Amino acid sequence: MPDIETPGGQASLEPRPFTLPTKQGPVDVLLYDSPGAKAGVLLAGGVGGGFDTPALRLYPRLGEELLKHGMSTLRLRYRHSTGLAESVQDVLAGVDFLVERGMERIALVGHSFGGAVMIRAGVRSAWVKTVVGLASQSYGTEPVPELHPRSLLLVHGTSDTVLPPRCSQSIHERARGHKELEFIPGAGHVLNEAAEPLFTRVRDWLVHELRG
């Protein structure tokens, strides 16, 4: 893939694979590396595992697009995609990886099961400035009041038959501080129906919340 010009110089649109060694085992990640980045975004999916993505390639699109804004992006594959506590540890290892590369402001984005993972991880890291939950489950989000002063964006499709919109509504009601909830009419759990507006919404939120 061709290179792209970023505020810190040339960067490749092709993500670089890394394996993060942790006490729990290796965690596979893909890094869209913006030279000299001070802001980073960590993306992870749901119980399907792998490097899955909602909304028709939302995650790789964000990885490529955010390079233009001088931001690095890390896509993460959970070791065990149904284990909440273990997945939180995976995400925290990813945050440490970004911080070790010089990043000072981190955003966490998770879909479905990943929404709960990111909320729990966000509470535990002072480097995290914002969390985005896409069609998030409510189970496991009990600590969400502690996310403050980090900001929170929740997006949910009104036609989600896997996790009903009230899941995000419940999270929003319990969250404190700067929080936003958006329902997308007619969108299902994977949010494919709203891929383009969702991409714009999440990109703009991340750029705004991670500005230096």
N, C-alpha and C. Protein backbone atom coordinates (compact mmCIF):
# COMPACT_ATOMS: atom_id res chain seq x y z
N MET A 1 0.84 -1.19 0.00
CA MET A 1 0.00 0.00 0.00
C MET A 1 0.88 1.25 0.00
N PRO A 2 0.41 2.36 -0.58
CA PRO A 2 1.21 3.58 -0.66
C PRO A 2 1.37 4.23 0.71
N ASP A 3 2.36 5.12 0.79
CA ASP A 3 2.54 5.92 1.99
C ASP A 3 1.59 7.10 1.97
N ILE A 4 1.44 7.73 3.13
CA ILE A 4 0.60 8.91 3.26
C ILE A 4 1.36 9.96 4.04
N GLU A 5 1.12 11.22 3.74
CA GLU A 5 1.78 12.31 4.45
C GLU A 5 1.04 12.57 5.76
N THR A 6 1.77 12.61 6.86
CA THR A 6 1.20 12.90 8.17
C THR A 6 1.91 14.11 8.75
N PRO A 7 1.37 14.70 9.84
CA PRO A 7 2.07 15.83 10.46
C PRO A 7 3.49 15.52 10.88
N GLY A 8 3.81 14.24 11.12
CA GLY A 8 5.15 13.87 11.55
C GLY A 8 6.02 13.31 10.44
N GLY A 9 5.50 13.29 9.20
CA GLY A 9 6.26 12.75 8.08
C GLY A 9 5.50 11.64 7.38
N GLN A 10 6.20 10.89 6.54
CA GLN A 10 5.57 9.82 5.77
C GLN A 10 5.21 8.64 6.68
N ALA A 11 4.04 8.06 6.42
CA ALA A 11 3.60 6.87 7.16
C ALA A 11 2.98 5.89 6.18
N SER A 12 3.10 4.62 6.49
CA SER A 12 2.52 3.58 5.64
C SER A 12 1.06 3.36 5.99
N LEU A 13 0.23 3.17 4.96
CA LEU A 13 -1.17 2.82 5.18
C LEU A 13 -1.32 1.36 5.57
N GLU A 14 -0.27 0.59 5.41
CA GLU A 14 -0.30 -0.82 5.78
C GLU A 14 0.05 -0.97 7.26
N PRO A 15 -0.85 -1.55 8.06
CA PRO A 15 -0.54 -1.69 9.49
C PRO A 15 0.57 -2.70 9.73
N ARG A 16 1.34 -2.45 10.77
CA ARG A 16 2.44 -3.34 11.15
C ARG A 16 1.98 -4.30 12.24
N PRO A 17 2.19 -5.60 12.07
CA PRO A 17 1.80 -6.56 13.11
C PRO A 17 2.83 -6.60 14.24
N PHE A 18 2.33 -6.69 15.45
CA PHE A 18 3.17 -6.88 16.63
C PHE A 18 2.53 -7.95 17.50
N THR A 19 3.32 -8.59 18.31
CA THR A 19 2.82 -9.48 19.35
C THR A 19 3.30 -8.95 20.69
N LEU A 20 2.35 -8.59 21.55
CA LEU A 20 2.69 -8.03 22.85
C LEU A 20 2.84 -9.14 23.87
N PRO A 21 4.00 -9.28 24.49
CA PRO A 21 4.15 -10.30 25.53
C PRO A 21 3.51 -9.81 26.83
N THR A 22 2.64 -10.61 27.41
CA THR A 22 2.04 -10.28 28.70
C THR A 22 2.14 -11.49 29.62
N LYS A 23 1.89 -11.26 30.90
CA LYS A 23 1.92 -12.36 31.86
C LYS A 23 0.85 -13.40 31.55
N GLN A 24 -0.20 -12.95 30.86
CA GLN A 24 -1.31 -13.86 30.54
C GLN A 24 -1.11 -14.59 29.22
N GLY A 25 -0.12 -14.15 28.44
CA GLY A 25 0.10 -14.74 27.13
C GLY A 25 0.22 -13.66 26.07
N PRO A 26 0.58 -14.04 24.82
CA PRO A 26 0.79 -13.06 23.76
C PRO A 26 -0.52 -12.47 23.24
N VAL A 27 -0.48 -11.17 22.95
CA VAL A 27 -1.63 -10.45 22.39
C VAL A 27 -1.23 -9.91 21.02
N ASP A 28 -1.98 -10.26 20.00
CA ASP A 28 -1.68 -9.81 18.64
C ASP A 28 -2.35 -8.47 18.36
N VAL A 29 -1.59 -7.57 17.74
CA VAL A 29 -2.09 -6.24 17.41
C VAL A 29 -1.62 -5.84 16.02
N LEU A 30 -2.30 -4.85 15.45
CA LEU A 30 -1.91 -4.23 14.19
C LEU A 30 -1.79 -2.73 14.43
N LEU A 31 -0.65 -2.15 14.08
CA LEU A 31 -0.38 -0.75 14.37
C LEU A 31 -0.33 0.08 13.09
N TYR A 32 -1.19 1.10 13.03
CA TYR A 32 -1.09 2.15 12.02
C TYR A 32 -0.25 3.25 12.67
N ASP A 33 0.99 3.37 12.25
CA ASP A 33 2.00 4.13 13.00
C ASP A 33 2.22 5.51 12.40
N SER A 34 1.81 6.54 13.13
CA SER A 34 2.04 7.92 12.71
C SER A 34 3.29 8.44 13.42
N PRO A 35 4.33 8.82 12.69
CA PRO A 35 5.59 9.23 13.31
C PRO A 35 5.39 10.38 14.30
N GLY A 36 5.93 10.21 15.50
CA GLY A 36 5.87 11.26 16.50
C GLY A 36 4.51 11.48 17.13
N ALA A 37 3.59 10.55 16.95
CA ALA A 37 2.23 10.73 17.46
C ALA A 37 2.22 10.87 18.98
N LYS A 38 1.40 11.80 19.46
CA LYS A 38 1.17 11.96 20.89
C LYS A 38 -0.21 11.45 21.29
N ALA A 39 -1.03 11.13 20.29
CA ALA A 39 -2.37 10.61 20.55
C ALA A 39 -2.52 9.27 19.86
N GLY A 40 -3.17 8.33 20.53
CA GLY A 40 -3.37 7.01 19.97
C GLY A 40 -4.77 6.49 20.23
N VAL A 41 -5.23 5.64 19.33
CA VAL A 41 -6.57 5.05 19.43
C VAL A 41 -6.42 3.54 19.43
N LEU A 42 -7.12 2.87 20.33
CA LEU A 42 -7.12 1.41 20.40
C LEU A 42 -8.51 0.91 20.04
N LEU A 43 -8.57 -0.01 19.07
CA LEU A 43 -9.84 -0.53 18.55
C LEU A 43 -9.92 -2.03 18.79
N ALA A 44 -11.08 -2.49 19.25
CA ALA A 44 -11.28 -3.93 19.40
C ALA A 44 -12.75 -4.26 19.17
N GLY A 45 -13.00 -5.51 18.79
CA GLY A 45 -14.34 -5.94 18.44
C GLY A 45 -15.07 -6.62 19.58
N GLY A 46 -15.86 -7.65 19.23
CA GLY A 46 -16.70 -8.31 20.21
C GLY A 46 -16.31 -9.76 20.42
N VAL A 47 -17.31 -10.58 20.77
CA VAL A 47 -17.03 -11.98 21.12
C VAL A 47 -16.64 -12.82 19.91
N GLY A 48 -16.80 -12.28 18.71
CA GLY A 48 -16.41 -13.02 17.52
C GLY A 48 -14.92 -13.26 17.44
N GLY A 49 -14.15 -12.42 18.14
CA GLY A 49 -12.71 -12.59 18.16
C GLY A 49 -12.06 -12.13 16.87
N GLY A 50 -10.77 -12.36 16.76
CA GLY A 50 -10.03 -11.94 15.58
C GLY A 50 -9.94 -10.43 15.50
N PHE A 51 -9.52 -9.95 14.35
CA PHE A 51 -9.47 -8.51 14.11
C PHE A 51 -10.79 -8.08 13.46
N ASP A 52 -11.89 -8.40 14.10
CA ASP A 52 -13.18 -8.09 13.50
C ASP A 52 -13.47 -6.60 13.63
N THR A 53 -14.37 -6.13 12.80
CA THR A 53 -14.71 -4.71 12.76
C THR A 53 -16.18 -4.55 12.45
N PRO A 54 -16.85 -3.60 13.09
CA PRO A 54 -18.23 -3.30 12.72
C PRO A 54 -18.28 -2.36 11.52
N ALA A 55 -19.47 -2.14 11.02
CA ALA A 55 -19.77 -1.06 10.08
C ALA A 55 -18.87 -1.04 8.85
N LEU A 56 -18.79 -2.17 8.16
CA LEU A 56 -18.12 -2.23 6.85
C LEU A 56 -16.72 -1.62 6.88
N ARG A 57 -15.82 -2.27 7.60
CA ARG A 57 -14.41 -1.85 7.66
C ARG A 57 -14.20 -0.55 8.43
N LEU A 58 -15.04 -0.28 9.40
CA LEU A 58 -14.86 0.94 10.19
C LEU A 58 -13.45 1.03 10.77
N TYR A 59 -12.96 -0.05 11.35
CA TYR A 59 -11.68 0.02 12.04
C TYR A 59 -10.50 0.26 11.11
N PRO A 60 -10.35 -0.49 10.02
CA PRO A 60 -9.24 -0.16 9.12
C PRO A 60 -9.37 1.23 8.50
N ARG A 61 -10.60 1.66 8.25
CA ARG A 61 -10.79 3.01 7.72
C ARG A 61 -10.32 4.06 8.72
N LEU A 62 -10.66 3.87 9.99
CA LEU A 62 -10.21 4.81 11.00
C LEU A 62 -8.68 4.79 11.12
N GLY A 63 -8.10 3.60 11.08
CA GLY A 63 -6.65 3.50 11.17
C GLY A 63 -5.95 4.31 10.09
N GLU A 64 -6.46 4.21 8.88
CA GLU A 64 -5.86 4.94 7.76
C GLU A 64 -6.14 6.44 7.86
N GLU A 65 -7.37 6.79 8.19
CA GLU A 65 -7.78 8.20 8.22
C GLU A 65 -7.08 8.98 9.33
N LEU A 66 -6.95 8.38 10.49
CA LEU A 66 -6.38 9.10 11.63
C LEU A 66 -4.90 9.38 11.47
N LEU A 67 -4.22 8.66 10.57
CA LEU A 67 -2.84 9.00 10.26
C LEU A 67 -2.73 10.45 9.78
N LYS A 68 -3.71 10.89 9.02
CA LYS A 68 -3.70 12.26 8.49
C LYS A 68 -3.75 13.30 9.61
N HIS A 69 -4.26 12.89 10.76
CA HIS A 69 -4.39 13.79 11.91
C HIS A 69 -3.25 13.60 12.91
N GLY A 70 -2.21 12.87 12.50
CA GLY A 70 -1.07 12.66 13.36
C GLY A 70 -1.33 11.73 14.52
N MET A 71 -2.28 10.80 14.35
CA MET A 71 -2.65 9.88 15.41
C MET A 71 -2.35 8.45 14.99
N SER A 72 -1.78 7.67 15.90
CA SER A 72 -1.56 6.24 15.65
C SER A 72 -2.77 5.45 16.11
N THR A 73 -2.99 4.31 15.47
CA THR A 73 -4.14 3.46 15.80
C THR A 73 -3.68 2.02 15.97
N LEU A 74 -4.18 1.38 17.01
CA LEU A 74 -3.83 0.00 17.31
C LEU A 74 -5.09 -0.86 17.30
N ARG A 75 -5.14 -1.82 16.38
CA ARG A 75 -6.22 -2.81 16.39
C ARG A 75 -5.76 -4.02 17.19
N LEU A 76 -6.63 -4.51 18.05
CA LEU A 76 -6.24 -5.56 18.99
C LEU A 76 -7.13 -6.78 18.87
N ARG A 77 -6.51 -7.95 18.95
CA ARG A 77 -7.24 -9.22 18.95
C ARG A 77 -7.13 -9.83 20.35
N TYR A 78 -8.28 -9.98 20.99
CA TYR A 78 -8.28 -10.57 22.33
C TYR A 78 -7.71 -11.99 22.31
N ARG A 79 -7.07 -12.38 23.39
CA ARG A 79 -6.62 -13.77 23.54
C ARG A 79 -7.82 -14.70 23.69
N HIS A 80 -8.79 -14.28 24.51
CA HIS A 80 -10.00 -15.07 24.75
C HIS A 80 -11.17 -14.10 24.66
N SER A 81 -11.86 -14.12 23.54
CA SER A 81 -12.83 -13.06 23.25
C SER A 81 -14.13 -13.17 24.02
N THR A 82 -14.26 -14.13 24.91
CA THR A 82 -15.45 -14.19 25.75
C THR A 82 -15.12 -13.95 27.22
N GLY A 83 -13.86 -13.71 27.53
CA GLY A 83 -13.45 -13.48 28.91
C GLY A 83 -13.30 -11.99 29.19
N LEU A 84 -14.21 -11.43 29.97
CA LEU A 84 -14.21 -9.98 30.19
C LEU A 84 -12.93 -9.52 30.90
N ALA A 85 -12.61 -10.15 32.02
CA ALA A 85 -11.43 -9.71 32.78
C ALA A 85 -10.15 -9.88 31.97
N GLU A 86 -10.02 -10.99 31.26
CA GLU A 86 -8.82 -11.22 30.46
C GLU A 86 -8.73 -10.23 29.31
N SER A 87 -9.86 -9.90 28.70
CA SER A 87 -9.86 -8.95 27.59
C SER A 87 -9.49 -7.55 28.07
N VAL A 88 -9.92 -7.18 29.27
CA VAL A 88 -9.51 -5.90 29.85
C VAL A 88 -7.99 -5.86 30.00
N GLN A 89 -7.40 -6.95 30.46
CA GLN A 89 -5.95 -7.01 30.59
C GLN A 89 -5.26 -6.86 29.23
N ASP A 90 -5.84 -7.46 28.20
CA ASP A 90 -5.29 -7.33 26.85
C ASP A 90 -5.28 -5.86 26.42
N VAL A 91 -6.39 -5.18 26.65
CA VAL A 91 -6.50 -3.77 26.26
C VAL A 91 -5.50 -2.92 27.04
N LEU A 92 -5.36 -3.16 28.32
CA LEU A 92 -4.40 -2.40 29.12
C LEU A 92 -2.97 -2.64 28.63
N ALA A 93 -2.68 -3.85 28.16
CA ALA A 93 -1.37 -4.11 27.56
C ALA A 93 -1.19 -3.29 26.29
N GLY A 94 -2.27 -3.15 25.52
CA GLY A 94 -2.23 -2.32 24.32
C GLY A 94 -2.01 -0.85 24.65
N VAL A 95 -2.66 -0.37 25.70
CA VAL A 95 -2.46 1.01 26.14
C VAL A 95 -1.00 1.22 26.53
N ASP A 96 -0.44 0.30 27.30
CA ASP A 96 0.97 0.41 27.69
C ASP A 96 1.88 0.45 26.46
N PHE A 97 1.56 -0.35 25.45
CA PHE A 97 2.35 -0.37 24.22
C PHE A 97 2.34 1.00 23.55
N LEU A 98 1.18 1.64 23.48
CA LEU A 98 1.09 2.96 22.87
C LEU A 98 1.84 4.00 23.70
N VAL A 99 1.70 3.93 25.01
CA VAL A 99 2.39 4.88 25.88
C VAL A 99 3.90 4.73 25.74
N GLU A 100 4.37 3.51 25.66
CA GLU A 100 5.81 3.27 25.49
C GLU A 100 6.33 3.84 24.18
N ARG A 101 5.45 4.02 23.21
CA ARG A 101 5.84 4.61 21.93
C ARG A 101 5.67 6.12 21.92
N GLY A 102 5.40 6.71 23.08
CA GLY A 102 5.38 8.16 23.21
C GLY A 102 4.01 8.80 23.23
N MET A 103 2.96 8.01 23.21
CA MET A 103 1.61 8.59 23.21
C MET A 103 1.15 8.95 24.60
N GLU A 104 0.50 10.10 24.71
CA GLU A 104 0.10 10.66 26.00
C GLU A 104 -1.41 10.75 26.16
N ARG A 105 -2.14 10.63 25.07
CA ARG A 105 -3.60 10.73 25.10
C ARG A 105 -4.15 9.54 24.32
N ILE A 106 -4.95 8.72 24.99
CA ILE A 106 -5.43 7.47 24.39
C ILE A 106 -6.95 7.44 24.35
N ALA A 107 -7.49 6.94 23.24
CA ALA A 107 -8.93 6.68 23.11
C ALA A 107 -9.13 5.18 22.95
N LEU A 108 -10.22 4.67 23.54
CA LEU A 108 -10.58 3.26 23.42
C LEU A 108 -11.91 3.15 22.70
N VAL A 109 -11.98 2.30 21.68
CA VAL A 109 -13.20 2.10 20.91
C VAL A 109 -13.52 0.61 20.89
N GLY A 110 -14.73 0.24 21.31
CA GLY A 110 -15.11 -1.16 21.34
C GLY A 110 -16.51 -1.38 20.83
N HIS A 111 -16.71 -2.51 20.15
CA HIS A 111 -18.02 -2.88 19.62
C HIS A 111 -18.59 -4.04 20.42
N SER A 112 -19.88 -3.94 20.78
CA SER A 112 -20.61 -5.03 21.43
C SER A 112 -19.96 -5.38 22.78
N PHE A 113 -19.51 -6.61 22.94
CA PHE A 113 -18.74 -7.02 24.12
C PHE A 113 -17.59 -6.04 24.37
N GLY A 114 -17.00 -5.55 23.30
CA GLY A 114 -15.87 -4.64 23.42
C GLY A 114 -16.21 -3.32 24.08
N GLY A 115 -17.47 -2.91 24.02
CA GLY A 115 -17.86 -1.69 24.71
C GLY A 115 -17.65 -1.80 26.20
N ALA A 116 -18.06 -2.93 26.77
CA ALA A 116 -17.86 -3.15 28.21
C ALA A 116 -16.38 -3.28 28.54
N VAL A 117 -15.64 -3.95 27.67
CA VAL A 117 -14.20 -4.10 27.89
C VAL A 117 -13.54 -2.73 27.96
N MET A 118 -13.88 -1.84 27.03
CA MET A 118 -13.23 -0.54 26.97
C MET A 118 -13.61 0.33 28.16
N ILE A 119 -14.84 0.25 28.61
CA ILE A 119 -15.24 1.02 29.78
C ILE A 119 -14.44 0.58 31.00
N ARG A 120 -14.33 -0.72 31.20
CA ARG A 120 -13.59 -1.23 32.35
C ARG A 120 -12.10 -0.89 32.25
N ALA A 121 -11.54 -1.00 31.05
CA ALA A 121 -10.13 -0.65 30.87
C ALA A 121 -9.91 0.84 31.05
N GLY A 122 -10.84 1.65 30.54
CA GLY A 122 -10.71 3.09 30.65
C GLY A 122 -10.67 3.57 32.08
N VAL A 123 -11.46 2.96 32.92
CA VAL A 123 -11.48 3.31 34.34
C VAL A 123 -10.12 3.09 34.98
N ARG A 124 -9.37 2.13 34.47
CA ARG A 124 -8.13 1.71 35.12
C ARG A 124 -6.87 2.38 34.57
N SER A 125 -7.01 3.23 33.57
CA SER A 125 -5.83 3.86 32.99
C SER A 125 -5.96 5.38 32.95
N ALA A 126 -5.00 6.06 33.55
CA ALA A 126 -5.00 7.53 33.54
C ALA A 126 -4.66 8.08 32.17
N TRP A 127 -4.10 7.25 31.28
CA TRP A 127 -3.75 7.71 29.95
C TRP A 127 -4.98 7.84 29.05
N VAL A 128 -6.05 7.16 29.39
CA VAL A 128 -7.25 7.17 28.56
C VAL A 128 -8.02 8.47 28.76
N LYS A 129 -8.36 9.13 27.65
CA LYS A 129 -9.09 10.39 27.69
C LYS A 129 -10.53 10.26 27.25
N THR A 130 -10.84 9.23 26.46
CA THR A 130 -12.20 9.06 25.98
C THR A 130 -12.44 7.59 25.63
N VAL A 131 -13.72 7.18 25.73
CA VAL A 131 -14.13 5.83 25.38
C VAL A 131 -15.32 5.92 24.44
N VAL A 132 -15.33 5.07 23.42
CA VAL A 132 -16.45 4.98 22.47
C VAL A 132 -16.99 3.56 22.52
N GLY A 133 -18.29 3.44 22.78
CA GLY A 133 -18.96 2.14 22.78
C GLY A 133 -19.95 2.05 21.64
N LEU A 134 -19.79 1.07 20.77
CA LEU A 134 -20.65 0.89 19.61
C LEU A 134 -21.51 -0.34 19.82
N ALA A 135 -22.83 -0.16 19.88
CA ALA A 135 -23.76 -1.27 20.14
C ALA A 135 -23.30 -2.07 21.35
N SER A 136 -22.97 -1.36 22.40
CA SER A 136 -22.34 -1.98 23.57
C SER A 136 -23.31 -2.83 24.38
N GLN A 137 -22.78 -3.89 24.96
CA GLN A 137 -23.52 -4.63 25.97
C GLN A 137 -23.47 -3.84 27.28
N SER A 138 -24.48 -4.03 28.12
CA SER A 138 -24.49 -3.36 29.42
C SER A 138 -23.83 -4.21 30.50
N TYR A 139 -23.84 -5.54 30.31
CA TYR A 139 -23.21 -6.42 31.29
C TYR A 139 -21.73 -6.09 31.42
N GLY A 140 -21.27 -5.92 32.62
CA GLY A 140 -19.86 -5.62 32.85
C GLY A 140 -19.53 -4.15 32.89
N THR A 141 -20.55 -3.28 32.72
CA THR A 141 -20.28 -1.84 32.69
C THR A 141 -20.58 -1.16 34.02
N GLU A 142 -20.68 -1.92 35.09
CA GLU A 142 -20.99 -1.34 36.40
C GLU A 142 -20.04 -0.21 36.80
N PRO A 143 -18.74 -0.26 36.42
CA PRO A 143 -17.83 0.81 36.84
C PRO A 143 -17.97 2.11 36.04
N VAL A 144 -18.93 2.21 35.13
CA VAL A 144 -18.96 3.37 34.23
C VAL A 144 -19.02 4.71 34.97
N PRO A 145 -19.64 4.85 36.15
CA PRO A 145 -19.57 6.15 36.82
C PRO A 145 -18.14 6.59 37.12
N GLU A 146 -17.24 5.63 37.30
CA GLU A 146 -15.84 5.93 37.61
C GLU A 146 -15.05 6.37 36.38
N LEU A 147 -15.66 6.29 35.21
CA LEU A 147 -14.96 6.71 33.99
C LEU A 147 -14.70 8.21 33.99
N HIS A 148 -15.56 8.97 34.60
CA HIS A 148 -15.39 10.42 34.73
C HIS A 148 -14.03 10.72 35.39
N PRO A 149 -13.23 11.68 34.86
CA PRO A 149 -13.58 12.74 33.91
C PRO A 149 -13.35 12.40 32.44
N ARG A 150 -13.13 11.15 32.11
CA ARG A 150 -12.99 10.78 30.71
C ARG A 150 -14.35 10.91 30.02
N SER A 151 -14.34 11.29 28.76
CA SER A 151 -15.60 11.43 28.02
C SER A 151 -16.06 10.08 27.49
N LEU A 152 -17.34 10.01 27.13
CA LEU A 152 -17.94 8.76 26.68
C LEU A 152 -18.93 9.03 25.55
N LEU A 153 -18.73 8.33 24.43
CA LEU A 153 -19.68 8.35 23.31
C LEU A 153 -20.26 6.96 23.15
N LEU A 154 -21.59 6.88 23.09
CA LEU A 154 -22.29 5.62 22.87
C LEU A 154 -23.15 5.75 21.63
N VAL A 155 -23.05 4.76 20.73
CA VAL A 155 -23.86 4.74 19.51
C VAL A 155 -24.53 3.37 19.42
N HIS A 156 -25.82 3.37 19.10
CA HIS A 156 -26.57 2.10 19.05
C HIS A 156 -27.63 2.19 17.97
N GLY A 157 -27.80 1.12 17.21
CA GLY A 157 -28.85 1.06 16.21
C GLY A 157 -30.19 0.71 16.84
N THR A 158 -31.25 1.34 16.35
CA THR A 158 -32.58 1.08 16.93
C THR A 158 -33.12 -0.28 16.54
N SER A 159 -32.55 -0.91 15.51
CA SER A 159 -33.02 -2.23 15.07
C SER A 159 -32.07 -3.35 15.49
N ASP A 160 -31.26 -3.10 16.50
CA ASP A 160 -30.34 -4.11 17.02
C ASP A 160 -31.13 -5.20 17.73
N THR A 161 -31.07 -6.43 17.22
CA THR A 161 -31.78 -7.55 17.83
C THR A 161 -30.86 -8.44 18.67
N VAL A 162 -29.58 -8.11 18.70
CA VAL A 162 -28.61 -8.86 19.51
C VAL A 162 -28.50 -8.23 20.90
N LEU A 163 -28.23 -6.95 20.93
CA LEU A 163 -28.20 -6.17 22.17
C LEU A 163 -29.13 -4.98 21.97
N PRO A 164 -30.25 -4.93 22.64
CA PRO A 164 -31.22 -3.86 22.40
C PRO A 164 -30.67 -2.49 22.77
N PRO A 165 -31.21 -1.44 22.17
CA PRO A 165 -30.73 -0.08 22.43
C PRO A 165 -30.74 0.31 23.91
N ARG A 166 -31.60 -0.32 24.69
CA ARG A 166 -31.64 0.04 26.12
C ARG A 166 -30.33 -0.29 26.83
N CYS A 167 -29.51 -1.15 26.23
CA CYS A 167 -28.19 -1.42 26.83
C CYS A 167 -27.36 -0.14 26.89
N SER A 168 -27.26 0.55 25.77
CA SER A 168 -26.51 1.81 25.76
C SER A 168 -27.22 2.89 26.56
N GLN A 169 -28.55 2.87 26.55
CA GLN A 169 -29.31 3.82 27.35
C GLN A 169 -28.98 3.66 28.83
N SER A 170 -28.90 2.42 29.29
CA SER A 170 -28.57 2.16 30.69
C SER A 170 -27.17 2.65 31.03
N ILE A 171 -26.22 2.40 30.15
CA ILE A 171 -24.85 2.86 30.39
C ILE A 171 -24.81 4.38 30.48
N HIS A 172 -25.49 5.03 29.55
CA HIS A 172 -25.52 6.49 29.50
C HIS A 172 -26.11 7.08 30.77
N GLU A 173 -27.17 6.48 31.26
CA GLU A 173 -27.82 6.98 32.47
C GLU A 173 -26.91 6.89 33.68
N ARG A 174 -26.06 5.90 33.72
CA ARG A 174 -25.18 5.70 34.87
C ARG A 174 -23.86 6.45 34.76
N ALA A 175 -23.51 6.87 33.56
CA ALA A 175 -22.24 7.58 33.35
C ALA A 175 -22.34 9.00 33.90
N ARG A 176 -21.18 9.57 34.20
CA ARG A 176 -21.10 10.94 34.71
C ARG A 176 -20.27 11.78 33.75
N GLY A 177 -20.40 13.10 33.89
CA GLY A 177 -19.55 14.00 33.13
C GLY A 177 -19.95 14.10 31.67
N HIS A 178 -18.95 14.33 30.81
CA HIS A 178 -19.19 14.54 29.38
C HIS A 178 -19.54 13.22 28.73
N LYS A 179 -20.79 13.08 28.32
CA LYS A 179 -21.26 11.83 27.73
C LYS A 179 -22.28 12.14 26.65
N GLU A 180 -22.28 11.34 25.59
CA GLU A 180 -23.25 11.51 24.51
C GLU A 180 -23.77 10.14 24.10
N LEU A 181 -25.06 10.09 23.78
CA LEU A 181 -25.72 8.87 23.32
C LEU A 181 -26.43 9.16 22.02
N GLU A 182 -26.17 8.36 21.00
CA GLU A 182 -26.82 8.55 19.71
C GLU A 182 -27.44 7.24 19.25
N PHE A 183 -28.73 7.30 18.92
CA PHE A 183 -29.43 6.16 18.34
C PHE A 183 -29.49 6.36 16.83
N ILE A 184 -29.21 5.29 16.08
CA ILE A 184 -29.25 5.35 14.62
C ILE A 184 -30.48 4.58 14.14
N PRO A 185 -31.48 5.27 13.61
CA PRO A 185 -32.71 4.61 13.19
C PRO A 185 -32.45 3.53 12.14
N GLY A 186 -33.00 2.34 12.37
CA GLY A 186 -32.94 1.27 11.38
C GLY A 186 -31.65 0.48 11.34
N ALA A 187 -30.65 0.86 12.12
CA ALA A 187 -29.37 0.16 12.08
C ALA A 187 -29.40 -1.06 13.00
N GLY A 188 -28.78 -2.15 12.54
CA GLY A 188 -28.70 -3.37 13.32
C GLY A 188 -27.45 -3.41 14.19
N HIS A 189 -27.13 -4.59 14.69
CA HIS A 189 -26.05 -4.72 15.66
C HIS A 189 -24.68 -4.38 15.09
N VAL A 190 -24.43 -4.76 13.85
CA VAL A 190 -23.11 -4.51 13.26
C VAL A 190 -23.01 -3.10 12.68
N LEU A 191 -24.15 -2.41 12.58
CA LEU A 191 -24.20 -1.01 12.16
C LEU A 191 -23.78 -0.80 10.71
N ASN A 192 -23.91 -1.84 9.88
CA ASN A 192 -23.55 -1.70 8.47
C ASN A 192 -24.42 -0.67 7.77
N GLU A 193 -25.67 -0.57 8.19
CA GLU A 193 -26.61 0.34 7.52
C GLU A 193 -26.19 1.80 7.67
N ALA A 194 -25.37 2.08 8.67
CA ALA A 194 -24.97 3.46 8.95
C ALA A 194 -23.46 3.63 8.85
N ALA A 195 -22.82 2.83 8.01
CA ALA A 195 -21.35 2.80 7.98
C ALA A 195 -20.74 4.18 7.73
N GLU A 196 -21.28 4.91 6.78
CA GLU A 196 -20.65 6.19 6.42
C GLU A 196 -20.85 7.26 7.49
N PRO A 197 -22.09 7.52 7.93
CA PRO A 197 -22.23 8.52 9.00
C PRO A 197 -21.55 8.10 10.30
N LEU A 198 -21.49 6.81 10.57
CA LEU A 198 -20.82 6.36 11.79
C LEU A 198 -19.32 6.62 11.71
N PHE A 199 -18.73 6.35 10.56
CA PHE A 199 -17.31 6.64 10.37
C PHE A 199 -17.02 8.11 10.66
N THR A 200 -17.83 8.99 10.09
CA THR A 200 -17.63 10.43 10.28
C THR A 200 -17.81 10.82 11.74
N ARG A 201 -18.84 10.28 12.36
CA ARG A 201 -19.14 10.62 13.76
C ARG A 201 -18.00 10.19 14.68
N VAL A 202 -17.53 8.97 14.53
CA VAL A 202 -16.47 8.47 15.40
C VAL A 202 -15.15 9.18 15.12
N ARG A 203 -14.82 9.36 13.86
CA ARG A 203 -13.58 10.08 13.52
C ARG A 203 -13.57 11.47 14.13
N ASP A 204 -14.65 12.21 13.95
CA ASP A 204 -14.70 13.58 14.46
C ASP A 204 -14.62 13.61 15.98
N TRP A 205 -15.27 12.66 16.62
CA TRP A 205 -15.21 12.59 18.09
C TRP A 205 -13.78 12.34 18.55
N LEU A 206 -13.10 11.40 17.93
CA LEU A 206 -11.74 11.06 18.34
C LEU A 206 -10.79 12.23 18.13
N VAL A 207 -10.89 12.87 16.99
CA VAL A 207 -10.01 14.00 16.70
C VAL A 207 -10.24 15.12 17.70
N HIS A 208 -11.49 15.38 18.03
CA HIS A 208 -11.82 16.45 18.98
C HIS A 208 -11.35 16.11 20.39
N GLU A 209 -11.63 14.89 20.83
CA GLU A 209 -11.34 14.53 22.22
C GLU A 209 -9.85 14.31 22.48
N LEU A 210 -9.09 14.02 21.44
CA LEU A 210 -7.66 13.75 21.62
C LEU A 210 -6.77 14.92 21.20
N ARG A 211 -7.39 16.03 20.90
CA ARG A 211 -6.58 17.18 20.47
C ARG A 211 -5.65 17.60 21.60
N GLY A 212 -4.48 18.10 21.22
CA GLY A 212 -3.48 18.46 22.21
C GLY A 212 -3.72 19.83 22.82
